[in-house]
Protein backbone atom coordinates (compact mmCIF):
# COMPACT_ATOMS: atom_id res chain seq x y z
CA UNK A 1 0.00 0.00 0.00
CA UNK A 2 1.41 3.41 -0.98
CA UNK A 3 2.14 5.70 1.97
CA UNK A 4 -0.06 8.80 2.00
CA UNK A 5 0.45 10.61 5.29
CA UNK A 6 2.11 14.02 5.47
CA UNK A 7 5.88 14.27 5.16
CA UNK A 8 7.77 14.68 8.40
CA UNK A 9 10.29 17.07 6.86
CA UNK A 10 10.54 19.36 9.86
CA UNK A 11 11.31 16.50 12.29
CA UNK A 12 14.80 16.75 13.75
CA UNK A 13 15.52 13.01 13.53
CA UNK A 14 13.94 10.88 10.84
CA UNK A 15 12.53 7.42 11.70
CA UNK A 16 14.66 4.49 10.63
CA UNK A 17 11.88 3.30 8.28
CA UNK A 18 12.08 6.57 6.33
CA UNK A 19 15.87 6.48 6.16
CA UNK A 20 15.96 2.89 4.92
CA UNK A 21 12.97 3.25 2.61
CA UNK A 22 14.43 6.33 0.97
CA UNK A 23 17.89 4.76 0.82
CA UNK A 24 16.60 1.78 -1.16
CA UNK A 25 15.74 4.10 -4.03
CA UNK A 26 19.39 4.62 -4.97
CA UNK A 27 20.14 0.89 -5.17
CA UNK A 28 18.76 0.29 -8.70
CA UNK A 29 20.20 3.57 -10.00
CA UNK A 30 23.72 2.71 -8.86
CA UNK A 31 23.44 -0.87 -10.06
CA UNK A 32 22.52 0.64 -13.42
CA UNK A 33 25.35 3.18 -13.19
CA UNK A 34 27.89 0.46 -12.34
CA UNK A 35 26.81 -1.90 -15.10
CA UNK A 36 26.86 0.82 -17.71
CA UNK A 37 30.12 2.31 -16.49
CA UNK A 38 32.17 -0.84 -15.94
CA UNK A 39 30.74 -3.30 -18.44
CA UNK A 40 28.70 -1.81 -21.29
CA UNK A 41 31.60 -0.63 -23.47
CA UNK A 42 33.41 -3.94 -22.96
CA UNK A 43 30.20 -5.87 -23.74
CA UNK A 44 29.81 -3.97 -27.00
CA UNK A 45 33.45 -4.40 -28.10
CA UNK A 46 34.13 -7.95 -26.88
CA UNK A 47 30.71 -9.67 -27.15
CA UNK A 48 28.60 -7.70 -29.64
CA UNK A 49 31.89 -6.96 -31.53
CA UNK A 50 31.25 -3.30 -32.35
CA UNK A 51 34.43 -1.28 -32.95
CA UNK A 52 35.57 0.69 -29.87
CA UNK A 53 34.93 4.13 -31.39
CA UNK A 54 31.50 3.06 -32.67
CA UNK A 55 30.63 1.47 -29.34
CA UNK A 56 31.75 4.60 -27.48
CA UNK A 57 29.65 6.73 -29.81
CA UNK A 58 26.54 4.60 -29.19
CA UNK A 59 26.97 5.03 -25.46
CA UNK A 60 27.68 8.75 -25.80
CA UNK A 61 24.45 9.30 -27.80
CA UNK A 62 22.46 7.52 -25.10
CA UNK A 63 24.08 9.53 -22.32
CA UNK A 64 23.53 12.84 -24.09
CA UNK A 65 19.86 11.94 -24.64
CA UNK A 66 19.71 11.02 -20.98
CA UNK A 67 21.21 14.38 -20.05
CA UNK A 68 18.67 16.26 -22.17
CA UNK A 69 15.72 14.56 -20.50
CA UNK A 70 16.98 15.25 -16.97
CA UNK A 71 16.10 18.96 -16.72
CA UNK A 72 12.67 18.37 -18.30
CA UNK A 73 11.79 15.63 -15.81
CA UNK A 74 13.12 17.72 -12.92
CA UNK A 75 10.97 20.66 -13.94
CA UNK A 76 7.87 18.54 -14.52
CA UNK A 77 8.20 16.85 -11.14
CA UNK A 78 8.49 20.28 -9.48
CA UNK A 79 5.20 21.31 -11.12
CA UNK A 80 3.21 18.11 -10.75
CA UNK A 81 0.50 17.79 -8.13
CA UNK A 82 -1.28 14.51 -7.42
CA UNK A 83 -2.68 12.99 -4.27
CA UNK A 84 0.39 10.73 -4.23
CA UNK A 85 2.79 13.71 -4.36
CA UNK A 86 5.12 15.27 -6.91
CA UNK A 87 7.91 12.70 -7.08
CA UNK A 88 6.48 9.21 -6.61
CA UNK A 89 4.31 8.96 -9.76
CA UNK A 90 7.38 9.51 -11.95
CA UNK A 91 9.42 7.05 -9.88
CA UNK A 92 6.73 4.40 -10.31
CA UNK A 93 6.75 4.67 -14.11
CA UNK A 94 10.54 4.85 -14.18
CA UNK A 95 11.08 1.72 -12.07
CA UNK A 96 8.77 -0.44 -14.21
CA UNK A 97 10.18 0.82 -17.53
CA UNK A 98 13.75 0.43 -16.31
CA UNK A 99 13.21 -3.22 -15.47
CA UNK A 100 11.90 -4.21 -18.91
CA UNK A 101 14.21 -2.03 -20.99
CA UNK A 102 17.30 -3.24 -19.12
CA UNK A 103 16.49 -6.80 -20.18
CA UNK A 104 15.98 -5.67 -23.81
CA UNK A 105 19.38 -3.93 -23.92
CA UNK A 106 21.20 -7.26 -23.76
CA UNK A 107 19.08 -8.91 -26.47
CA UNK A 108 20.40 -7.27 -29.66
CA UNK A 109 18.86 -8.44 -32.94
CA UNK A 110 20.45 -11.47 -34.62
CA UNK A 111 22.57 -10.92 -37.72
CA UNK A 112 25.89 -9.40 -38.75
CA UNK A 113 24.71 -5.93 -39.79
CA UNK A 114 26.83 -3.46 -37.82
CA UNK A 115 24.40 -0.66 -38.64
CA UNK A 116 21.31 -2.45 -37.33
CA UNK A 117 23.07 -3.51 -34.14
CA UNK A 118 24.41 0.01 -33.59
CA UNK A 119 20.98 1.63 -33.95
CA UNK A 120 19.29 -1.03 -31.82
CA UNK A 121 21.77 -0.32 -29.01
CA UNK A 122 21.34 3.44 -29.41
CA UNK A 123 17.51 3.32 -29.31
CA UNK A 124 17.15 0.82 -26.47
CA UNK A 125 19.88 2.53 -24.47
CA UNK A 126 18.00 5.84 -24.85
CA UNK A 127 14.85 4.14 -23.47
CA UNK A 128 16.83 2.68 -20.55
CA UNK A 129 18.28 6.10 -19.75
CA UNK A 130 14.86 7.76 -19.94
CA UNK A 131 13.52 5.24 -17.43
CA UNK A 132 16.51 5.89 -15.18
CA UNK A 133 15.81 9.63 -15.38
CA UNK A 134 12.12 9.23 -14.53
CA UNK A 135 13.11 7.44 -11.35
CA UNK A 136 16.34 9.12 -10.35
CA UNK A 137 15.64 12.84 -10.85
CA UNK A 138 12.45 12.99 -8.75
CA UNK A 139 14.16 10.72 -6.23
CA UNK A 140 17.12 13.07 -5.81
CA UNK A 141 14.91 16.17 -5.68
CA UNK A 142 12.84 14.55 -2.94
CA UNK A 143 15.53 14.58 -0.23
CA UNK A 144 15.37 18.32 0.67
CA UNK A 145 11.62 17.91 1.25
CA UNK A 146 12.05 14.96 3.61
CA UNK A 147 14.16 16.88 6.12
CA UNK A 148 15.39 20.46 6.48
CA UNK A 149 17.92 19.74 9.21
CA UNK A 150 21.56 20.33 8.14
CA UNK A 151 23.07 17.23 9.76
CA UNK A 152 20.02 15.00 9.23
CA UNK A 153 20.34 15.64 5.51
CA UNK A 154 23.88 14.31 5.63
CA UNK A 155 22.65 11.26 7.55
CA UNK A 156 19.77 10.70 5.11
CA UNK A 157 22.19 10.91 2.20
CA UNK A 158 24.53 8.55 4.03
CA UNK A 159 21.72 5.96 4.18
CA UNK A 160 20.95 6.67 0.54
CA UNK A 161 24.53 6.14 -0.42
CA UNK A 162 25.00 3.01 1.68
CA UNK A 163 22.36 1.51 -0.61
CA UNK A 164 24.03 3.21 -3.57
CA UNK A 165 27.30 1.48 -2.78
CA UNK A 166 25.41 -1.78 -2.23
CA UNK A 167 24.01 -1.42 -5.73
CA UNK A 168 27.50 -0.67 -6.97
CA UNK A 169 28.87 -3.75 -5.17
CA UNK A 170 26.19 -5.94 -6.72
CA UNK A 171 26.97 -4.51 -10.15
CA UNK A 172 30.71 -4.83 -9.69
CA UNK A 173 30.91 -8.22 -7.99
CA UNK A 174 28.00 -10.27 -9.31
CA UNK A 175 27.59 -9.32 -12.98
CA UNK A 176 30.43 -11.45 -14.37
CA UNK A 177 29.66 -14.48 -12.12
CA UNK A 178 25.98 -14.18 -13.07
CA UNK A 179 26.90 -14.13 -16.77
CA UNK A 180 28.98 -17.27 -16.25
CA UNK A 181 26.17 -18.95 -14.32
CA UNK A 182 23.82 -18.20 -17.22
CA UNK A 183 26.10 -19.98 -19.68
CA UNK A 184 28.53 -17.24 -20.68
CA UNK A 185 28.80 -15.50 -24.03
CA UNK A 186 25.73 -13.90 -25.61
CA UNK A 187 23.33 -16.20 -23.75
CA UNK A 188 24.92 -15.33 -20.42
CA UNK A 189 24.54 -11.59 -21.03
CA UNK A 190 20.88 -12.09 -22.00
CA UNK A 191 20.08 -14.02 -18.82
CA UNK A 192 21.93 -11.51 -16.68
CA UNK A 193 19.97 -8.63 -18.24
CA UNK A 194 16.64 -10.28 -17.40
CA UNK A 195 17.60 -11.00 -13.77
CA UNK A 196 19.05 -7.54 -13.15
CA UNK A 197 16.07 -5.84 -14.81
CA UNK A 198 13.67 -7.59 -12.44
CA UNK A 199 15.84 -6.66 -9.45
CA UNK A 200 15.88 -2.99 -10.49
CA UNK A 201 12.10 -2.96 -10.90
CA UNK A 202 11.45 -4.34 -7.42
CA UNK A 203 13.98 -2.21 -5.52
CA UNK A 204 12.97 0.92 -7.42
CA UNK A 205 9.42 0.59 -6.10
CA UNK A 206 10.39 0.36 -2.41
CA UNK A 207 10.66 4.13 -1.67
CA UNK A 208 7.43 4.71 -3.61
CA UNK A 209 5.66 2.31 -1.26
CA UNK A 210 7.37 3.08 2.06
CA UNK A 211 8.16 6.80 2.20
CA UNK A 212 5.31 9.33 2.56
CA UNK A 213 5.39 12.49 0.48
CA UNK A 214 3.96 15.88 1.34
CA UNK A 215 0.62 16.39 -0.39
CA UNK A 216 1.26 20.04 -1.23
CA UNK A 217 4.35 22.25 -1.36
CA UNK A 218 4.86 25.86 -2.35
CA UNK A 219 4.36 26.39 -6.07
CA UNK A 220 3.27 22.82 -6.83
CA UNK A 221 -0.07 23.96 -8.24
CA UNK A 222 1.40 26.07 -11.04
CA UNK A 223 1.12 24.37 -14.45
CA UNK A 224 4.47 23.83 -16.22
CA UNK A 225 5.30 26.34 -18.97
CA UNK A 226 8.27 26.21 -21.33
CA UNK A 227 9.30 29.84 -20.80
CA UNK A 228 9.14 29.47 -17.03
CA UNK A 229 11.17 26.26 -17.24
CA UNK A 230 13.89 27.94 -19.28
CA UNK A 231 14.01 30.86 -16.84
CA UNK A 232 14.36 28.43 -13.92
CA UNK A 233 17.27 26.64 -15.54
CA UNK A 234 18.99 29.85 -16.53
CA UNK A 235 18.52 31.02 -12.96
CA UNK A 236 20.13 27.85 -11.65
CA UNK A 237 23.13 28.32 -13.92
CA UNK A 238 23.58 31.86 -12.57
CA UNK A 239 23.72 30.57 -9.00
CA UNK A 240 27.42 30.81 -8.09
CA UNK A 241 27.45 28.29 -5.19
CA UNK A 242 25.62 25.83 -7.43
CA UNK A 243 28.18 26.19 -10.23
CA UNK A 244 31.00 25.69 -7.74
CA UNK A 245 29.68 22.24 -6.87
CA UNK A 246 28.23 21.41 -10.30
CA UNK A 247 31.49 21.80 -12.26
CA UNK A 248 33.67 19.73 -9.85
CA UNK A 249 30.98 17.04 -9.72
CA UNK A 250 30.88 16.84 -13.53
CA UNK A 251 34.68 16.68 -13.80
CA UNK A 252 34.85 13.98 -11.14
CA UNK A 253 32.14 11.96 -12.89
CA UNK A 254 34.03 12.17 -16.19
CA UNK A 255 37.23 10.96 -14.55
CA UNK A 256 35.45 8.16 -12.71
CA UNK A 257 33.79 6.98 -15.93
CA UNK A 258 37.13 6.85 -17.70
CA UNK A 259 38.43 4.58 -14.93
CA UNK A 260 35.25 2.51 -14.83
CA UNK A 261 35.24 1.78 -18.54
CA UNK A 262 38.98 1.10 -18.68
CA UNK A 263 39.54 -1.18 -15.68
CA UNK A 264 38.00 -4.26 -17.30
CA UNK A 265 40.38 -3.80 -20.25
CA UNK A 266 43.30 -3.39 -17.84
CA UNK A 267 42.62 -6.65 -16.05
CA UNK A 268 41.65 -8.54 -19.21
CA UNK A 269 44.51 -7.47 -21.47
CA UNK A 270 47.33 -6.56 -19.05
CA UNK A 271 46.81 -8.86 -16.07
CA UNK A 272 45.01 -11.40 -18.34
CA UNK A 273 42.59 -12.11 -15.49
CA UNK A 274 39.00 -10.80 -15.64
CA UNK A 275 38.31 -12.73 -12.42
CA UNK A 276 40.92 -10.60 -10.64
CA UNK A 277 39.00 -7.53 -11.80
CA UNK A 278 35.94 -8.69 -9.87
CA UNK A 279 38.03 -9.19 -6.71
CA UNK A 280 39.83 -5.84 -6.97
CA UNK A 281 36.68 -3.90 -7.78
CA UNK A 282 34.70 -5.61 -5.03
CA UNK A 283 37.41 -4.78 -2.51
CA UNK A 284 37.52 -1.13 -3.52
CA UNK A 285 33.75 -0.72 -3.33
CA UNK A 286 33.44 -2.62 -0.05
CA UNK A 287 35.98 -0.27 1.54
CA UNK A 288 34.12 2.62 -0.09
CA UNK A 289 30.86 1.56 1.57
CA UNK A 290 32.53 1.12 4.96
CA UNK A 291 34.12 4.57 4.66
CA UNK A 292 30.82 6.42 4.26
CA UNK A 293 30.13 6.78 8.03
CA UNK A 294 33.71 7.99 8.40
CA UNK A 295 33.18 10.77 5.85
CA UNK A 296 29.88 11.75 7.51
CA UNK A 297 31.77 12.15 10.80
CA UNK A 298 34.59 14.06 9.10
CA UNK A 299 32.11 16.44 7.45
CA UNK A 300 30.69 17.34 10.87
CA UNK A 301 34.16 18.49 11.92
CA UNK A 302 35.61 20.14 8.80
CA UNK A 303 32.53 20.72 6.64
CA UNK A 304 31.17 19.08 3.50
CA UNK A 305 33.39 20.97 1.07
CA UNK A 306 36.69 20.03 2.69
CA UNK A 307 35.56 16.44 3.17
CA UNK A 308 34.84 16.20 -0.55
CA UNK A 309 38.18 17.80 -1.47
CA UNK A 310 40.14 15.53 0.89
CA UNK A 311 38.44 12.36 -0.30
CA UNK A 312 38.82 13.00 -4.02
CA UNK A 313 42.42 14.15 -3.54
CA UNK A 314 43.26 10.88 -1.81
CA UNK A 315 41.45 8.92 -4.53
CA UNK A 316 43.47 10.69 -7.24
CA UNK A 317 46.70 9.96 -5.37
CA UNK A 318 45.89 6.24 -5.26
CA UNK A 319 45.15 6.19 -9.01
CA UNK A 320 48.57 7.72 -9.69
CA UNK A 321 50.19 5.20 -7.34
CA UNK A 322 48.50 2.39 -9.30
CA UNK A 323 49.72 3.85 -12.60
CA UNK A 324 53.31 4.06 -11.36
CA UNK A 325 53.53 0.82 -9.39
CA UNK A 326 51.32 -1.69 -11.20
CA UNK A 327 53.75 -2.44 -14.09
CA UNK A 328 56.35 -3.59 -11.53
CA UNK A 329 54.04 -5.60 -9.24
CA UNK A 330 51.70 -8.55 -9.50
CA UNK A 331 47.93 -8.35 -9.17
CA UNK A 332 48.08 -8.26 -5.36
CA UNK A 333 49.37 -4.71 -5.61
CA UNK A 334 46.20 -3.81 -7.51
CA UNK A 335 44.05 -5.33 -4.76
CA UNK A 336 45.78 -3.24 -2.08
CA UNK A 337 45.86 0.08 -3.94
CA UNK A 338 42.28 -0.19 -5.16
CA UNK A 339 41.09 -0.98 -1.63
CA UNK A 340 42.89 2.13 -0.37
CA UNK A 341 41.36 4.15 -3.21
CA UNK A 342 37.95 3.08 -1.93
CA UNK A 343 38.52 5.19 1.20
CA UNK A 344 38.68 8.38 -0.83
CA UNK A 345 36.00 7.26 -3.28
CA UNK A 346 33.48 7.06 -0.42
CA UNK A 347 33.17 10.82 -0.23
CA UNK A 348 31.87 10.94 -3.83
CA UNK A 349 28.81 9.00 -2.67
CA UNK A 350 27.90 11.35 0.19
CA UNK A 351 29.03 14.94 -0.10
CA UNK A 352 27.84 16.15 -3.54
CA UNK A 353 24.15 15.42 -2.93
CA UNK A 354 24.24 16.80 0.61
CA UNK A 355 25.87 19.99 -0.73
CA UNK A 356 23.30 20.46 -3.50
CA UNK A 357 20.47 20.07 -0.99
CA UNK A 358 21.95 23.04 0.88
CA UNK A 359 22.20 25.06 -2.34
CA UNK A 360 18.47 24.55 -3.00
CA UNK A 361 17.68 26.21 0.33
CA UNK A 362 19.95 29.15 -0.44
CA UNK A 363 18.07 29.55 -3.72
CA UNK A 364 14.68 29.32 -1.97
CA UNK A 365 15.67 31.95 0.57
CA UNK A 366 16.62 34.30 -2.27
CA UNK A 367 13.74 33.57 -4.70
CA UNK A 368 10.87 32.33 -2.54
CA UNK A 369 10.33 29.44 -5.00
CA UNK A 370 11.11 25.78 -4.42
CA UNK A 371 13.12 24.45 -7.38
CA UNK A 372 14.75 21.28 -6.08
CA UNK A 373 13.89 19.38 -9.26
CA UNK A 374 15.56 22.05 -11.38
CA UNK A 375 18.78 21.93 -9.37
CA UNK A 376 18.95 18.14 -9.14
CA UNK A 377 17.91 17.84 -12.78
CA UNK A 378 20.75 20.12 -13.90
CA UNK A 379 23.10 18.32 -11.51
CA UNK A 380 22.35 15.01 -13.15
CA UNK A 381 22.34 16.61 -16.63
CA UNK A 382 25.94 17.74 -16.34
CA UNK A 383 27.04 14.53 -14.64
CA UNK A 384 25.74 12.62 -17.64
CA UNK A 385 27.51 14.96 -20.03
CA UNK A 386 30.63 14.09 -18.04
CA UNK A 387 29.81 10.39 -18.35
CA UNK A 388 29.25 10.72 -22.10
CA UNK A 389 32.59 12.48 -22.58
CA UNK A 390 34.43 9.99 -20.38
CA UNK A 391 33.08 6.86 -22.11
CA UNK A 392 33.54 8.36 -25.57
CA UNK A 393 37.16 9.27 -24.78
CA UNK A 394 37.86 5.68 -23.73
CA UNK A 395 36.38 4.26 -26.94
CA UNK A 396 38.21 6.80 -29.07
CA UNK A 397 41.54 6.24 -27.33
CA UNK A 398 41.24 2.45 -27.67
CA UNK A 399 40.63 2.94 -31.39
CA UNK A 400 43.63 5.29 -31.72
CA UNK A 401 46.05 2.98 -29.92
CA UNK A 402 45.08 0.04 -32.15
CA UNK A 403 42.88 -2.08 -29.88
CA UNK A 404 42.42 -5.56 -31.41
CA UNK A 405 38.91 -6.98 -30.96
CA UNK A 406 38.26 -10.68 -30.29
CA UNK A 407 37.57 -12.83 -33.31
CA UNK A 408 35.28 -14.93 -31.09
CA UNK A 409 33.08 -13.25 -28.47
CA UNK A 410 34.68 -13.48 -25.03
CA UNK A 411 38.13 -14.72 -26.19
CA UNK A 412 40.70 -11.96 -25.45
CA UNK A 413 43.47 -11.57 -28.07
CA UNK A 414 46.96 -10.28 -27.32
CA UNK A 415 47.40 -6.50 -27.63
CA UNK A 416 50.36 -4.45 -28.87
CA UNK A 417 52.66 -2.51 -26.55
CA UNK A 418 51.08 0.71 -27.82
CA UNK A 419 47.62 -0.51 -26.85
CA UNK A 420 48.82 -1.65 -23.42
CA UNK A 421 50.35 1.79 -22.79
CA UNK A 422 47.12 3.49 -23.83
CA UNK A 423 45.08 1.35 -21.43
CA UNK A 424 47.52 2.19 -18.61
CA UNK A 425 47.12 5.93 -19.21
CA UNK A 426 43.35 5.53 -19.07
CA UNK A 427 43.73 4.21 -15.51
CA UNK A 428 46.22 6.89 -14.50
CA UNK A 429 47.06 10.46 -15.55
CA UNK A 430 44.06 10.98 -17.87
CA UNK A 431 41.33 10.74 -15.18
CA UNK A 432 43.55 12.35 -12.54
CA UNK A 433 43.60 15.57 -14.56
CA UNK A 434 39.81 15.70 -14.28
CA UNK A 435 39.96 15.14 -10.50
CA UNK A 436 42.54 17.89 -9.97
CA UNK A 437 40.44 20.35 -11.97
CA UNK A 438 37.43 19.57 -9.79
CA UNK A 439 39.39 20.06 -6.57
CA UNK A 440 40.67 23.48 -7.63
CA UNK A 441 37.19 24.75 -8.50
CA UNK A 442 35.49 23.26 -5.41
CA UNK A 443 37.92 25.15 -3.18
CA UNK A 444 35.92 28.34 -3.84
CA UNK A 445 32.50 26.90 -2.80
CA UNK A 446 31.14 29.35 -0.17
CA UNK A 447 28.34 27.69 1.89
CA UNK A 448 29.53 26.78 5.39
CA UNK A 449 27.51 25.45 8.33
CA UNK A 450 27.20 28.99 9.72
CA UNK A 451 25.85 30.37 6.46
CA UNK A 452 23.44 27.46 6.10
CA UNK A 453 22.03 28.12 9.58
CA UNK A 454 21.50 31.77 8.67
CA UNK A 455 19.68 30.75 5.48
CA UNK A 456 17.39 28.38 7.39
CA UNK A 457 16.44 31.19 9.76
CA UNK A 458 15.48 33.29 6.73
CA UNK A 459 13.35 30.44 5.39
CA UNK A 460 11.56 30.05 8.73
CA UNK A 461 10.71 33.74 8.59
CA UNK A 462 9.33 33.29 5.05
CA UNK A 463 7.15 30.39 6.21
């Protein structure tokens, strides 16, 4: 039964049921994110046998389409009013569509026509991304409405991101074993897609069913208009604190996607051990999940901005250490360094969303209009532009360094020294440049705990 009582957004401490129910909503999204980031390019090049540049282009088109739909869904969810709330109707449709379209993505049409396979992947991937947007954008915009307490928001996002990392762990650690259990090759990918699609559908519905949503919020009754929507998004892009978190987030996402897409190639063609990839990735993400409470505690002492800077700086340092040391060590070195990298990576799952929630309140205090969907929609828009650029760069670079595709799906050929060097740089200096750019820009983000408290007093006076 769908929850219908009033939101308890002004409560100091949220009930555990609300924290867990809301947290579940990020599990399917991060399972999706992990699968697409770590495996989709490799699936297209090594199983579907599309060329790396063509495969990267297919993914880039889907991500750009996904980015375009984000602001529209964010705006629509801000201006939707039903008896079930603003956010949950979209999440319901998104969860169901995501489940079915995810299964279809891994059932490309039979035949050898590169063009037909390319366009099938592009179209179905666009549908998958639209479903993800319908669920994820309203879900992200919902958190500022659930609680308005500064520290409780961090705690709520910590619960959210514990489930996010769980989804990431499932995607990282179980996808390849599940493919093997389903028979491997094309058949294995098809079976995996069906199982994961069903899992995403079920977990995506949990917050819709368990978490109540406020029946009416300021401005929810206004019908959506294109001109108003454009003004809202232009207004968001003129918000300096928002830009100072948006740009670092996008750069970090681009760098992370470069690493995600490249790691499977590193372990397959350099270590010659895809199974070791599952172990190393699982270790990194397990440490990442365990580090989330640590970063929540750190943020209470030094603030969200400096926690984010510290974490991503440490993550970048570990990536450089891997780049320098891995050629001289065996795979155990990769296990250790990637586990250490997980400590820094944990902050990426907590701080950005907690920071944006604060920015939405600063905007409300200045404008008198609630526009959480606009801000989270634009946040996700630019993250997906970053993802598109990152994945496309990997495909393009693999093409340029002479990547040799398998003659038989799933059988890895030997690569040239030039290709090996290119793969190493994709898990080293290339993404680190993106991380360093994000750190420099984030340094100027201005909202501290003291300023946030002042803004909340202004909002209370408005109410």
